[in-house]
Amino acid sequence: MVKRDIVQVKNPKSGHYVKIDRSIGKILDHKKSEGPYKNVPIARKRNR
């Protein structure tokens, strides 16, 4: 089993959370209910 680099971010327009796979750069899923996903880290802003 391969460990995937999955994080979640909050969509500012809808206010819901979106799950993203950073290794392939695609959106996997979005929540229809309020609040973040459980056991999925929230992405922080990167320092450049």
C-alpha atoms as a PDB file:
ATOM      1  CA  MET A   1       0.000   0.000   0.000  1.00  0.00           C
ATOM      2  CA  VAL A   2       1.336   3.406  -1.003  1.00  0.00           C
ATOM      3  CA  LYS A   3       1.070   6.333   1.402  1.00  0.00           C
ATOM      4  CA  ARG A   4      -0.539   9.187  -0.509  1.00  0.00           C
ATOM      5  CA  ASP A   5       0.039  12.879   0.187  1.00  0.00           C
ATOM      6  CA  ILE A   6      -3.564  13.907   0.861  1.00  0.00           C
ATOM      7  CA  VAL A   7      -4.455  17.212   2.521  1.00  0.00           C
ATOM      8  CA  GLN A   8      -7.551  19.365   2.861  1.00  0.00           C
ATOM      9  CA  VAL A   9      -8.121  23.072   2.323  1.00  0.00           C
ATOM     10  CA  LYS A  10     -11.126  25.310   2.866  1.00  0.00           C
ATOM     11  CA  ASN A  11     -12.823  26.713  -0.222  1.00  0.00           C
ATOM     12  CA  PRO A  12     -13.283  30.433   0.483  1.00  0.00           C
ATOM     13  CA  LYS A  13     -16.321  30.777  -1.808  1.00  0.00           C
ATOM     14  CA  SER A  14     -18.400  27.863  -0.525  1.00  0.00           C
ATOM     15  CA  GLY A  15     -16.918  27.571   2.981  1.00  0.00           C
ATOM     16  CA  HIS A  16     -16.650  23.782   2.604  1.00  0.00           C
ATOM     17  CA  TYR A  17     -13.507  21.653   2.728  1.00  0.00           C
ATOM     18  CA  VAL A  18     -11.898  20.047  -0.333  1.00  0.00           C
ATOM     19  CA  LYS A  19      -9.625  16.987  -0.248  1.00  0.00           C
ATOM     20  CA  ILE A  20      -6.543  17.242  -2.520  1.00  0.00           C
ATOM     21  CA  ASP A  21      -3.895  14.662  -3.499  1.00  0.00           C
ATOM     22  CA  ARG A  22      -0.663  16.668  -3.671  1.00  0.00           C
ATOM     23  CA  SER A  23       1.327  13.892  -5.381  1.00  0.00           C
ATOM     24  CA  ILE A  24      -0.855  14.025  -8.534  1.00  0.00           C
ATOM     25  CA  GLY A  25      -2.218  17.549  -8.014  1.00  0.00           C
ATOM     26  CA  LYS A  26      -5.920  16.697  -8.272  1.00  0.00           C
ATOM     27  CA  ILE A  27      -9.016  17.365  -6.204  1.00  0.00           C
ATOM     28  CA  LEU A  28     -10.352  14.062  -4.889  1.00  0.00           C
ATOM     29  CA  ASP A  29     -13.517  15.006  -3.038  1.00  0.00           C
ATOM     30  CA  HIS A  30     -15.456  17.885  -1.513  1.00  0.00           C
ATOM     31  CA  LYS A  31     -17.616  17.936   1.602  1.00  0.00           C
ATOM     32  CA  LYS A  32     -21.264  18.785   1.364  1.00  0.00           C
ATOM     33  CA  SER A  33     -21.627  19.173   5.145  1.00  0.00           C
ATOM     34  CA  GLU A  34     -19.935  21.687   7.435  1.00  0.00           C
ATOM     35  CA  GLY A  35     -16.570  21.178   9.112  1.00  0.00           C
ATOM     36  CA  PRO A  36     -13.287  19.555   8.107  1.00  0.00           C
ATOM     37  CA  TYR A  37     -12.602  15.911   7.295  1.00  0.00           C
ATOM     38  CA  LYS A  38     -11.485  13.731  10.208  1.00  0.00           C
ATOM     39  CA  ASN A  39      -7.917  12.346  10.187  1.00  0.00           C
ATOM     40  CA  VAL A  40      -6.868  14.431   7.144  1.00  0.00           C
ATOM     41  CA  PRO A  41      -4.267  17.177   7.727  1.00  0.00           C
ATOM     42  CA  ILE A  42      -5.175  20.766   6.862  1.00  0.00           C
ATOM     43  CA  ALA A  43      -2.709  22.321   4.401  1.00  0.00           C
ATOM     44  CA  ARG A  44      -0.866  25.390   5.628  1.00  0.00           C
ATOM     45  CA  LYS A  45       0.592  28.183   3.517  1.00  0.00           C
ATOM     46  CA  ARG A  46       4.077  27.495   2.208  1.00  0.00           C
ATOM     47  CA  ASN A  47       7.075  29.768   2.762  1.00  0.00           C
ATOM     48  CA  ARG A  48       8.838  30.477  -0.508  1.00  0.00           C
END
